[in-house]
């Protein structure tokens, strides 16, 4: 169903793909938007090692939410800052693309738990995190990308 990578020598092992997903703060989620146009948007994410899902949060309305409710298939692309080998001009970037289906999270406690874990990628200020959850939690749309296929490439 999913295509194999053509440049196999550049393929990253699954463990390295997961490291990129865990370390990088954001990527681009692509869904099928209005009139079947691809719709990609940058989003913060949290990769959960417990269940292997990628979690995202959003407001309750908008193009992204409408697209997700219409079609649960999506892809998410993340890439790192890259590096240059000494004496070379080319930037070596590790990228990961995850294909899967969107699962909408409705349990309030799970939304708050994932919001906390996502926030820890950006700050350890527990007071700030709890205040944001108190203010915005009830208006948070939380969803997960359940991976069906993942590839990584250098």
N, C-alpha and C. Protein backbone atom coordinates (compact mmCIF):
# COMPACT_ATOMS: atom_id res chain seq x y z
N UNK A 1 0.82 -1.19 0.00
CA UNK A 1 0.00 0.00 0.00
C UNK A 1 0.87 1.26 0.00
N UNK A 2 1.90 1.30 0.82
CA UNK A 2 2.79 2.46 0.87
C UNK A 2 4.04 2.16 0.04
N UNK A 3 4.57 3.19 -0.57
CA UNK A 3 5.74 3.02 -1.41
C UNK A 3 7.00 2.81 -0.58
N UNK A 4 7.89 2.02 -1.13
CA UNK A 4 9.20 1.82 -0.51
C UNK A 4 10.10 2.99 -0.90
N UNK A 5 11.04 3.32 -0.04
CA UNK A 5 11.95 4.40 -0.32
C UNK A 5 12.91 3.98 -1.44
N UNK A 6 13.14 4.88 -2.39
CA UNK A 6 14.01 4.57 -3.52
C UNK A 6 15.49 4.62 -3.12
N UNK A 7 15.88 5.60 -2.35
CA UNK A 7 17.28 5.76 -1.95
C UNK A 7 17.49 5.08 -0.60
N UNK A 8 17.54 3.77 -0.64
CA UNK A 8 17.61 2.97 0.59
C UNK A 8 18.84 3.27 1.43
N UNK A 9 19.94 3.67 0.79
CA UNK A 9 21.17 3.96 1.55
C UNK A 9 20.97 5.14 2.49
N UNK A 10 20.00 5.99 2.16
CA UNK A 10 19.73 7.17 2.99
C UNK A 10 18.61 6.94 4.00
N UNK A 11 18.04 5.76 4.00
CA UNK A 11 16.92 5.48 4.90
C UNK A 11 17.39 5.41 6.35
N UNK A 12 16.63 6.04 7.22
CA UNK A 12 16.93 6.02 8.65
C UNK A 12 16.27 4.81 9.30
N UNK A 13 16.93 4.20 10.29
CA UNK A 13 16.26 3.12 11.04
C UNK A 13 15.10 3.69 11.87
N UNK A 14 14.16 2.85 12.21
CA UNK A 14 12.97 3.29 12.95
C UNK A 14 13.32 4.02 14.25
N UNK A 15 14.34 3.53 14.97
CA UNK A 15 14.72 4.16 16.24
C UNK A 15 15.15 5.61 16.02
N UNK A 16 15.87 5.86 14.93
CA UNK A 16 16.32 7.22 14.63
C UNK A 16 15.14 8.10 14.20
N UNK A 17 14.19 7.53 13.49
CA UNK A 17 12.97 8.26 13.12
C UNK A 17 12.24 8.72 14.39
N UNK A 18 12.11 7.82 15.34
CA UNK A 18 11.42 8.15 16.59
C UNK A 18 12.18 9.22 17.35
N UNK A 19 13.51 9.18 17.35
CA UNK A 19 14.29 10.23 18.01
C UNK A 19 14.01 11.60 17.40
N UNK A 20 13.93 11.66 16.08
CA UNK A 20 13.62 12.93 15.41
C UNK A 20 12.23 13.39 15.83
N UNK A 21 11.26 12.50 15.85
CA UNK A 21 9.90 12.86 16.26
C UNK A 21 9.85 13.35 17.70
N UNK A 22 10.64 12.74 18.57
CA UNK A 22 10.65 13.14 19.99
C UNK A 22 11.36 14.48 20.19
N UNK A 23 12.44 14.70 19.47
CA UNK A 23 13.28 15.88 19.73
C UNK A 23 12.77 17.15 19.06
N UNK A 24 12.31 17.03 17.84
CA UNK A 24 11.92 18.25 17.11
C UNK A 24 10.57 18.74 17.61
N UNK A 25 10.43 20.06 17.76
CA UNK A 25 9.20 20.59 18.35
C UNK A 25 8.00 20.69 17.42
N UNK A 26 8.26 20.74 16.11
CA UNK A 26 7.13 20.93 15.20
C UNK A 26 7.40 20.30 13.84
N UNK A 27 6.32 20.17 13.09
CA UNK A 27 6.40 19.64 11.74
C UNK A 27 5.21 20.15 10.95
N UNK A 28 4.95 19.56 9.80
CA UNK A 28 3.84 19.98 8.95
C UNK A 28 2.87 18.81 8.82
N UNK A 29 1.64 19.05 9.26
CA UNK A 29 0.56 18.07 9.12
C UNK A 29 -0.17 18.39 7.82
N UNK A 30 -0.37 17.37 7.00
CA UNK A 30 -1.08 17.54 5.73
C UNK A 30 -2.33 16.69 5.73
N UNK A 31 -3.43 17.34 5.36
CA UNK A 31 -4.73 16.68 5.29
C UNK A 31 -5.35 17.02 3.93
N UNK A 32 -6.47 16.42 3.64
CA UNK A 32 -7.20 16.71 2.42
C UNK A 32 -8.18 17.84 2.74
N UNK A 33 -7.90 19.02 2.20
CA UNK A 33 -8.68 20.21 2.54
C UNK A 33 -9.86 20.43 1.63
N UNK A 34 -10.30 21.68 1.60
CA UNK A 34 -11.46 22.07 0.79
C UNK A 34 -11.23 21.75 -0.68
N UNK A 35 -12.28 21.29 -1.34
CA UNK A 35 -12.24 20.93 -2.76
C UNK A 35 -11.11 19.97 -3.09
N UNK A 36 -10.75 19.12 -2.12
CA UNK A 36 -9.71 18.10 -2.27
C UNK A 36 -8.32 18.66 -2.54
N UNK A 37 -8.07 19.92 -2.15
CA UNK A 37 -6.72 20.45 -2.22
C UNK A 37 -5.95 20.01 -0.99
N UNK A 38 -4.68 19.65 -1.15
CA UNK A 38 -3.87 19.33 0.03
C UNK A 38 -3.79 20.57 0.92
N UNK A 39 -3.85 20.35 2.21
CA UNK A 39 -3.76 21.46 3.17
C UNK A 39 -2.72 21.06 4.21
N UNK A 40 -1.58 21.75 4.19
CA UNK A 40 -0.51 21.48 5.13
C UNK A 40 -0.33 22.66 6.06
N UNK A 41 -0.14 22.38 7.33
CA UNK A 41 0.04 23.46 8.30
C UNK A 41 1.10 23.07 9.33
N UNK A 42 1.93 24.02 9.75
CA UNK A 42 2.91 23.71 10.78
C UNK A 42 2.22 23.56 12.14
N UNK A 43 2.62 22.52 12.87
CA UNK A 43 2.02 22.27 14.18
C UNK A 43 3.07 21.76 15.15
N UNK A 44 2.91 22.13 16.41
CA UNK A 44 3.67 21.50 17.49
C UNK A 44 3.11 20.10 17.68
N UNK A 45 3.95 19.20 18.15
CA UNK A 45 3.48 17.82 18.33
C UNK A 45 4.17 17.19 19.54
N UNK A 46 3.59 16.10 19.97
CA UNK A 46 4.17 15.29 21.03
C UNK A 46 4.12 13.83 20.58
N UNK A 47 5.28 13.18 20.55
CA UNK A 47 5.34 11.76 20.24
C UNK A 47 5.28 11.00 21.56
N UNK A 48 4.30 10.13 21.70
CA UNK A 48 4.11 9.36 22.93
C UNK A 48 4.73 7.98 22.77
N UNK A 49 5.77 7.71 23.53
CA UNK A 49 6.43 6.40 23.47
C UNK A 49 5.53 5.28 24.00
N UNK A 50 4.59 5.62 24.87
CA UNK A 50 3.71 4.61 25.45
C UNK A 50 2.82 3.95 24.41
N UNK A 51 2.30 4.74 23.46
CA UNK A 51 1.37 4.16 22.48
C UNK A 51 1.81 4.37 21.02
N UNK A 52 2.93 5.08 20.80
CA UNK A 52 3.45 5.27 19.45
C UNK A 52 2.67 6.26 18.60
N UNK A 53 1.81 7.06 19.23
CA UNK A 53 1.00 8.02 18.49
C UNK A 53 1.62 9.42 18.58
N UNK A 54 1.30 10.24 17.60
CA UNK A 54 1.67 11.65 17.60
C UNK A 54 0.43 12.44 18.00
N UNK A 55 0.60 13.35 18.97
CA UNK A 55 -0.53 14.13 19.46
C UNK A 55 -0.37 15.60 19.08
N UNK A 56 -1.52 16.23 18.82
CA UNK A 56 -1.59 17.63 18.43
C UNK A 56 -2.74 18.29 19.16
N UNK A 57 -2.66 19.60 19.32
CA UNK A 57 -3.79 20.33 19.88
C UNK A 57 -4.13 21.49 18.96
N UNK A 58 -5.35 21.99 19.11
CA UNK A 58 -5.85 23.01 18.21
C UNK A 58 -7.03 23.70 18.86
N UNK A 59 -7.48 24.75 18.19
CA UNK A 59 -8.76 25.35 18.55
C UNK A 59 -9.88 24.43 18.07
N UNK A 60 -11.08 24.78 18.39
CA UNK A 60 -12.22 23.92 18.10
C UNK A 60 -12.77 24.04 16.68
N UNK A 61 -12.40 25.11 15.96
CA UNK A 61 -12.96 25.35 14.63
C UNK A 61 -11.86 25.69 13.65
N UNK A 62 -12.20 25.54 12.37
CA UNK A 62 -11.29 25.97 11.32
C UNK A 62 -11.14 24.95 10.21
N UNK A 63 -10.37 25.34 9.21
CA UNK A 63 -10.14 24.53 8.02
C UNK A 63 -9.59 23.14 8.38
N UNK A 64 -8.59 23.12 9.27
CA UNK A 64 -7.97 21.85 9.68
C UNK A 64 -8.99 20.91 10.32
N UNK A 65 -9.79 21.45 11.22
CA UNK A 65 -10.78 20.62 11.93
C UNK A 65 -11.82 20.09 10.95
N UNK A 66 -12.28 20.94 10.05
CA UNK A 66 -13.26 20.50 9.05
C UNK A 66 -12.67 19.38 8.20
N UNK A 67 -11.42 19.53 7.78
CA UNK A 67 -10.78 18.52 6.95
C UNK A 67 -10.62 17.20 7.70
N UNK A 68 -10.21 17.26 8.96
CA UNK A 68 -10.04 16.05 9.77
C UNK A 68 -11.36 15.32 9.95
N UNK A 69 -12.41 16.06 10.17
CA UNK A 69 -13.73 15.43 10.36
C UNK A 69 -14.25 14.79 9.06
N UNK A 70 -13.82 15.34 7.92
CA UNK A 70 -14.25 14.82 6.62
C UNK A 70 -13.48 13.58 6.19
N UNK A 71 -12.17 13.57 6.51
CA UNK A 71 -11.31 12.47 6.06
C UNK A 71 -10.21 12.28 7.10
N UNK A 72 -10.11 11.09 7.66
CA UNK A 72 -9.17 10.86 8.76
C UNK A 72 -7.74 10.55 8.32
N UNK A 73 -7.47 10.46 7.02
CA UNK A 73 -6.11 10.18 6.56
C UNK A 73 -5.28 11.45 6.58
N UNK A 74 -4.00 11.29 6.99
CA UNK A 74 -3.10 12.45 7.08
C UNK A 74 -1.66 11.99 6.98
N UNK A 75 -0.78 12.94 6.74
CA UNK A 75 0.65 12.68 6.84
C UNK A 75 1.27 13.82 7.65
N UNK A 76 2.39 13.51 8.29
CA UNK A 76 3.08 14.49 9.12
C UNK A 76 4.56 14.39 8.80
N UNK A 77 5.16 15.52 8.47
CA UNK A 77 6.57 15.57 8.11
C UNK A 77 7.33 16.42 9.13
N UNK A 78 8.42 15.87 9.64
CA UNK A 78 9.28 16.55 10.60
C UNK A 78 10.70 16.47 10.08
N UNK A 79 11.47 17.54 10.27
CA UNK A 79 12.88 17.48 9.90
C UNK A 79 13.71 18.26 10.92
N UNK A 80 14.96 17.84 11.06
CA UNK A 80 15.83 18.47 12.06
C UNK A 80 16.58 19.66 11.45
N UNK A 81 17.46 20.27 12.26
CA UNK A 81 18.20 21.45 11.83
C UNK A 81 19.30 21.12 10.83
N UNK A 82 19.69 19.87 10.77
CA UNK A 82 20.71 19.44 9.84
C UNK A 82 22.12 19.76 10.32
N UNK A 83 23.09 19.29 9.56
CA UNK A 83 24.50 19.53 9.87
C UNK A 83 25.30 19.50 8.57
N UNK A 84 26.46 20.12 8.62
CA UNK A 84 27.38 20.10 7.48
C UNK A 84 28.61 19.31 7.87
N UNK A 85 29.02 18.43 6.99
CA UNK A 85 30.29 17.74 7.21
C UNK A 85 31.41 18.71 6.88
N UNK A 86 32.49 18.58 7.59
CA UNK A 86 33.62 19.48 7.39
C UNK A 86 34.05 19.47 5.92
N UNK A 87 34.18 20.67 5.37
CA UNK A 87 34.62 20.83 4.00
C UNK A 87 33.52 20.69 2.96
N UNK A 88 32.28 20.43 3.39
CA UNK A 88 31.17 20.29 2.44
C UNK A 88 30.19 21.45 2.58
N UNK A 89 29.55 21.82 1.51
CA UNK A 89 28.57 22.90 1.54
C UNK A 89 27.16 22.38 1.80
N UNK A 90 26.92 21.12 1.47
CA UNK A 90 25.56 20.57 1.56
C UNK A 90 25.13 20.39 3.01
N UNK A 91 23.88 20.71 3.26
CA UNK A 91 23.27 20.51 4.57
C UNK A 91 22.66 19.12 4.61
N UNK A 92 23.02 18.32 5.59
CA UNK A 92 22.48 16.98 5.78
C UNK A 92 21.33 17.06 6.77
N UNK A 93 20.14 16.76 6.29
CA UNK A 93 18.92 16.89 7.11
C UNK A 93 18.30 15.51 7.28
N UNK A 94 17.91 15.21 8.51
CA UNK A 94 17.13 13.99 8.77
C UNK A 94 15.65 14.38 8.73
N UNK A 95 14.89 13.70 7.90
CA UNK A 95 13.46 13.97 7.83
C UNK A 95 12.69 12.68 8.04
N UNK A 96 11.50 12.84 8.59
CA UNK A 96 10.62 11.70 8.87
C UNK A 96 9.23 12.05 8.36
N UNK A 97 8.61 11.12 7.66
CA UNK A 97 7.22 11.28 7.24
C UNK A 97 6.42 10.13 7.82
N UNK A 98 5.35 10.48 8.52
CA UNK A 98 4.45 9.49 9.12
C UNK A 98 3.11 9.58 8.39
N UNK A 99 2.63 8.46 7.91
CA UNK A 99 1.31 8.36 7.31
C UNK A 99 0.42 7.64 8.30
N UNK A 100 -0.81 8.11 8.43
CA UNK A 100 -1.71 7.43 9.34
C UNK A 100 -3.11 8.01 9.32
N UNK A 101 -3.83 7.66 10.36
CA UNK A 101 -5.22 8.11 10.49
C UNK A 101 -5.38 8.91 11.77
N UNK A 102 -6.21 9.91 11.68
CA UNK A 102 -6.47 10.81 12.81
C UNK A 102 -7.51 10.19 13.74
N UNK A 103 -7.21 10.27 15.01
CA UNK A 103 -8.11 9.81 16.07
C UNK A 103 -8.41 11.04 16.94
N UNK A 104 -9.65 11.38 17.10
CA UNK A 104 -10.04 12.53 17.91
C UNK A 104 -10.10 12.11 19.37
N UNK A 105 -9.47 12.89 20.24
CA UNK A 105 -9.43 12.60 21.68
C UNK A 105 -10.54 13.41 22.34
N UNK A 106 -11.41 12.73 23.08
CA UNK A 106 -12.55 13.42 23.70
C UNK A 106 -12.50 13.41 25.22
N UNK A 107 -11.68 12.53 25.81
CA UNK A 107 -11.62 12.46 27.27
C UNK A 107 -10.88 13.67 27.83
N UNK A 108 -11.53 14.41 28.69
CA UNK A 108 -10.97 15.65 29.24
C UNK A 108 -9.63 15.42 29.92
N UNK A 109 -9.54 14.41 30.76
CA UNK A 109 -8.27 14.17 31.48
C UNK A 109 -7.14 13.82 30.54
N UNK A 110 -7.43 13.07 29.49
CA UNK A 110 -6.39 12.74 28.51
C UNK A 110 -5.95 13.99 27.75
N UNK A 111 -6.89 14.85 27.41
CA UNK A 111 -6.55 16.12 26.74
C UNK A 111 -5.60 16.92 27.62
N UNK A 112 -5.88 17.00 28.91
CA UNK A 112 -5.04 17.78 29.82
C UNK A 112 -3.67 17.12 30.02
N UNK A 113 -3.67 15.79 30.13
CA UNK A 113 -2.39 15.07 30.29
C UNK A 113 -1.48 15.28 29.08
N UNK A 114 -2.04 15.12 27.89
CA UNK A 114 -1.25 15.29 26.68
C UNK A 114 -0.83 16.75 26.53
N UNK A 115 -1.69 17.67 26.89
CA UNK A 115 -1.33 19.10 26.85
C UNK A 115 -0.12 19.37 27.73
N UNK A 116 -0.09 18.78 28.91
CA UNK A 116 1.07 18.94 29.81
C UNK A 116 2.34 18.37 29.17
N UNK A 117 2.22 17.18 28.63
CA UNK A 117 3.40 16.52 28.04
C UNK A 117 3.90 17.29 26.82
N UNK A 118 2.99 17.80 26.02
CA UNK A 118 3.37 18.62 24.87
C UNK A 118 4.05 19.91 25.34
N UNK A 119 3.50 20.53 26.37
CA UNK A 119 4.06 21.77 26.90
C UNK A 119 5.48 21.60 27.41
N UNK A 120 5.80 20.43 27.93
CA UNK A 120 7.14 20.19 28.46
C UNK A 120 8.22 20.23 27.38
N UNK A 121 7.84 20.14 26.11
CA UNK A 121 8.81 20.31 25.04
C UNK A 121 9.29 21.76 24.95
N UNK A 122 8.51 22.67 25.53
CA UNK A 122 8.80 24.09 25.38
C UNK A 122 9.13 24.80 26.69
N UNK A 123 8.61 24.30 27.80
CA UNK A 123 8.87 24.94 29.09
C UNK A 123 8.70 23.93 30.22
N UNK A 124 9.40 24.18 31.30
CA UNK A 124 9.23 23.37 32.53
C UNK A 124 8.50 24.17 33.61
N UNK A 125 7.97 25.32 33.26
CA UNK A 125 7.27 26.18 34.19
C UNK A 125 5.88 25.61 34.46
N UNK A 126 5.78 24.80 35.52
CA UNK A 126 4.54 24.09 35.83
C UNK A 126 3.38 25.04 36.10
N UNK A 127 3.66 26.16 36.75
CA UNK A 127 2.61 27.14 37.03
C UNK A 127 2.01 27.69 35.75
N UNK A 128 2.88 28.02 34.82
CA UNK A 128 2.42 28.54 33.52
C UNK A 128 1.59 27.48 32.79
N UNK A 129 2.09 26.26 32.77
CA UNK A 129 1.39 25.17 32.07
C UNK A 129 -0.01 24.97 32.66
N UNK A 130 -0.09 24.90 33.98
CA UNK A 130 -1.39 24.67 34.61
C UNK A 130 -2.36 25.83 34.38
N UNK A 131 -1.84 27.04 34.37
CA UNK A 131 -2.70 28.21 34.11
C UNK A 131 -3.23 28.17 32.67
N UNK A 132 -2.38 27.81 31.73
CA UNK A 132 -2.81 27.71 30.33
C UNK A 132 -3.86 26.62 30.16
N UNK A 133 -3.66 25.50 30.83
CA UNK A 133 -4.65 24.41 30.75
C UNK A 133 -5.97 24.85 31.38
N UNK A 134 -5.88 25.54 32.51
CA UNK A 134 -7.10 26.04 33.17
C UNK A 134 -7.87 26.98 32.24
N UNK A 135 -7.14 27.90 31.57
CA UNK A 135 -7.79 28.88 30.71
C UNK A 135 -8.24 28.28 29.37
N UNK A 136 -7.38 27.49 28.75
CA UNK A 136 -7.63 27.04 27.37
C UNK A 136 -8.10 25.60 27.26
N UNK A 137 -7.89 24.81 28.30
CA UNK A 137 -8.23 23.39 28.24
C UNK A 137 -9.63 23.09 27.75
N UNK A 138 -10.65 23.77 28.27
CA UNK A 138 -12.01 23.47 27.82
C UNK A 138 -12.27 23.79 26.34
N UNK A 139 -11.40 24.61 25.75
CA UNK A 139 -11.56 24.99 24.34
C UNK A 139 -10.49 24.33 23.46
N UNK A 140 -9.94 23.21 23.91
CA UNK A 140 -8.88 22.53 23.17
C UNK A 140 -9.42 21.34 22.41
N UNK A 141 -9.09 21.29 21.13
CA UNK A 141 -9.38 20.13 20.28
C UNK A 141 -8.08 19.34 20.24
N UNK A 142 -8.12 18.10 20.71
CA UNK A 142 -6.94 17.25 20.76
C UNK A 142 -7.15 16.08 19.81
N UNK A 143 -6.09 15.77 19.06
CA UNK A 143 -6.18 14.63 18.16
C UNK A 143 -4.83 13.95 18.06
N UNK A 144 -4.88 12.70 17.64
CA UNK A 144 -3.66 11.90 17.50
C UNK A 144 -3.57 11.40 16.07
N UNK A 145 -2.34 11.28 15.59
CA UNK A 145 -2.09 10.60 14.33
C UNK A 145 -1.61 9.20 14.69
N UNK A 146 -2.38 8.21 14.30
CA UNK A 146 -2.05 6.81 14.56
C UNK A 146 -1.25 6.31 13.36
N UNK A 147 0.05 6.07 13.53
CA UNK A 147 0.89 5.72 12.39
C UNK A 147 0.51 4.39 11.74
N UNK A 148 0.49 4.40 10.41
CA UNK A 148 0.34 3.19 9.62
C UNK A 148 1.62 2.89 8.85
N UNK A 149 2.39 3.94 8.58
CA UNK A 149 3.66 3.78 7.83
C UNK A 149 4.54 4.98 8.17
N UNK A 150 5.83 4.70 8.31
CA UNK A 150 6.77 5.77 8.64
C UNK A 150 8.07 5.53 7.88
N UNK A 151 8.60 6.61 7.31
CA UNK A 151 9.91 6.53 6.67
C UNK A 151 10.75 7.70 7.14
N UNK A 152 12.04 7.47 7.21
CA UNK A 152 12.99 8.52 7.55
C UNK A 152 14.13 8.50 6.57
N UNK A 153 14.67 9.69 6.32
CA UNK A 153 15.71 9.79 5.30
C UNK A 153 16.74 10.83 5.70
N UNK A 154 17.99 10.56 5.38
CA UNK A 154 19.05 11.54 5.56
C UNK A 154 19.30 12.18 4.22
